[in-house]
Amino acid sequence: MRLSGHGLDCELHFSESDAAGWMQTAVSLKAPAFEGAFVCAVTLGEWKGFVQELRQLEASIGRDAFASWGNMEANVELRFTLHRLGALECSYEFSPNPISLGPTLSGKFEVDQTYLLAWIREAEEALENAR
């Protein structure tokens, strides 16, 4: 799945889930003056929650709304603020270490509401491929 906008280009690639529902997740990032990658773990349940958060944002177009998502190990934290006129402000925090110990990359990026449908489609595809 790819999340990108003015200020961030992030790709998440998921392995098939194991018997407990864990997916190894390769995260690659490009932000102004930064490029990096790391691997973390995301559960199927967590990713389903992310898909649901995106769907709720999409259903809120035309109103102010907020959504957030992060994995249990706190490697990935995403926050979305949708404004009723269609602007979507996104903030992020990424850490290659569990529970955000050590270095982190944080920042903000912006897109408009039209990005939501593509993000939902890609997030759902990632979920289906991981099963």
Protein backbone atom coordinates (compact mmCIF):
# COMPACT_ATOMS: atom_id res chain seq x y z
CA MET A 1 0.00 0.00 0.00
CA ARG A 2 1.18 3.47 -0.78
CA LEU A 3 0.40 6.59 1.25
CA SER A 4 1.75 9.70 -0.33
CA GLY A 5 1.10 13.37 -0.44
CA HIS A 6 2.86 16.69 -0.23
CA GLY A 7 5.60 15.87 2.30
CA LEU A 8 5.64 12.05 2.47
CA ASP A 9 5.87 9.00 0.24
CA CYS A 10 5.34 5.81 2.27
CA GLU A 11 5.01 2.25 1.01
CA LEU A 12 3.97 -0.70 3.17
CA HIS A 13 4.44 -4.24 1.87
CA PHE A 14 2.88 -7.06 3.88
CA SER A 15 3.81 -10.73 4.04
CA GLU A 16 1.11 -13.36 4.28
CA SER A 17 -0.10 -13.62 7.84
CA ASP A 18 1.12 -16.41 10.09
CA ALA A 19 -1.18 -18.66 12.16
CA ALA A 20 -1.50 -15.96 14.84
CA GLY A 21 -2.39 -13.25 12.29
CA TRP A 22 0.96 -11.40 12.30
CA MET A 23 2.29 -9.95 9.05
CA GLN A 24 5.90 -8.90 8.54
CA THR A 25 5.65 -5.41 7.12
CA ALA A 26 8.34 -3.69 5.09
CA VAL A 27 8.02 0.10 5.40
CA SER A 28 9.86 2.44 3.03
CA LEU A 29 9.77 6.19 3.51
CA LYS A 30 10.71 9.30 1.62
CA ALA A 31 10.27 12.71 3.23
CA PRO A 32 12.06 16.00 2.57
CA ALA A 33 15.80 15.37 3.21
CA PHE A 34 15.13 11.79 4.38
CA GLU A 35 14.90 8.32 2.87
CA GLY A 36 14.80 5.09 4.85
CA ALA A 37 13.25 1.69 5.40
CA PHE A 38 12.57 -0.77 8.21
CA VAL A 39 10.59 -3.92 8.96
CA CYS A 40 7.92 -4.23 11.65
CA ALA A 41 4.93 -6.42 12.47
CA VAL A 42 1.24 -5.64 11.97
CA THR A 43 -1.64 -7.96 12.80
CA LEU A 44 -4.54 -8.66 10.47
CA GLY A 45 -6.86 -7.19 13.09
CA GLU A 46 -4.84 -4.00 13.27
CA TRP A 47 -4.90 -3.63 9.50
CA LYS A 48 -8.66 -4.25 9.42
CA GLY A 49 -8.92 -1.38 11.89
CA PHE A 50 -6.93 0.84 9.54
CA VAL A 51 -9.27 0.00 6.65
CA GLN A 52 -12.24 0.84 8.89
CA GLU A 53 -10.71 4.20 9.89
CA LEU A 54 -10.23 5.10 6.21
CA ARG A 55 -13.81 4.06 5.39
CA GLN A 56 -15.14 6.24 8.21
CA LEU A 57 -13.17 9.20 6.88
CA GLU A 58 -14.54 8.62 3.39
CA ALA A 59 -18.08 8.48 4.80
CA SER A 60 -17.42 11.81 6.55
CA ILE A 61 -16.59 13.80 3.41
CA GLY A 62 -18.32 17.16 3.69
CA ARG A 63 -17.88 17.26 7.48
CA ASP A 64 -14.94 17.74 9.81
CA ALA A 65 -13.61 14.36 10.98
CA PHE A 66 -10.60 12.82 12.67
CA ALA A 67 -9.13 9.31 12.53
CA SER A 68 -5.98 7.72 13.86
CA TRP A 69 -4.28 4.37 13.60
CA GLY A 70 -1.15 2.69 14.86
CA ASN A 71 0.20 -0.80 15.22
CA MET A 72 0.51 -2.48 18.62
CA GLU A 73 4.29 -2.17 18.68
CA ALA A 74 4.06 1.58 18.00
CA ASN A 75 6.25 1.47 14.89
CA VAL A 76 3.64 3.28 12.81
CA GLU A 77 1.29 6.02 14.00
CA LEU A 78 -0.97 7.87 11.56
CA ARG A 79 -3.45 10.66 12.27
CA PHE A 80 -5.87 12.12 9.73
CA THR A 81 -7.86 15.36 10.01
CA LEU A 82 -10.48 15.79 7.30
CA HIS A 83 -11.86 19.30 6.83
CA ARG A 84 -15.37 19.77 5.54
CA LEU A 85 -14.10 21.53 2.41
CA GLY A 86 -12.05 18.47 1.40
CA ALA A 87 -8.51 19.07 2.69
CA LEU A 88 -6.95 16.11 4.48
CA GLU A 89 -4.09 16.85 6.88
CA CYS A 90 -2.08 13.81 7.90
CA SER A 91 0.57 13.46 10.55
CA TYR A 92 2.81 10.47 11.07
CA GLU A 93 5.40 8.93 13.31
CA PHE A 94 7.55 5.97 12.27
CA SER A 95 10.07 4.08 14.37
CA PRO A 96 12.05 0.98 13.41
CA ASN A 97 12.12 -0.15 17.05
CA PRO A 98 9.18 -1.57 19.01
CA ILE A 99 7.41 0.80 21.38
CA SER A 100 9.09 3.77 19.65
CA LEU A 101 12.42 3.37 21.44
CA GLY A 102 15.25 4.95 19.51
CA PRO A 103 15.05 7.11 16.40
CA THR A 104 11.73 8.27 14.99
CA LEU A 105 10.62 10.11 11.88
CA SER A 106 7.64 12.37 12.35
CA GLY A 107 5.99 15.01 10.26
CA LYS A 108 2.92 16.06 8.31
CA PHE A 109 1.65 15.85 4.78
CA GLU A 110 -1.43 17.06 2.99
CA VAL A 111 -3.72 15.72 0.28
CA ASP A 112 -7.31 16.26 -0.72
CA GLN A 113 -10.23 13.92 -0.11
CA THR A 114 -9.89 12.27 -3.52
CA TYR A 115 -6.91 10.27 -2.21
CA LEU A 116 -9.11 8.37 0.25
CA LEU A 117 -10.71 6.04 -2.31
CA ALA A 118 -7.35 4.89 -3.67
CA TRP A 119 -6.00 4.40 -0.14
CA ILE A 120 -9.06 2.33 0.83
CA ARG A 121 -8.73 0.19 -2.29
CA GLU A 122 -5.01 -0.42 -1.71
CA ALA A 123 -5.51 -1.13 2.01
CA GLU A 124 -8.26 -3.66 1.21
CA GLU A 125 -6.07 -5.33 -1.43
CA ALA A 126 -3.23 -5.63 1.07
CA LEU A 127 -5.62 -7.22 3.53
CA GLU A 128 -6.87 -9.76 0.99
CA ASN A 129 -3.34 -10.65 -0.15
CA ALA A 130 -2.21 -11.19 3.44
CA ARG A 131 -4.83 -13.85 4.23
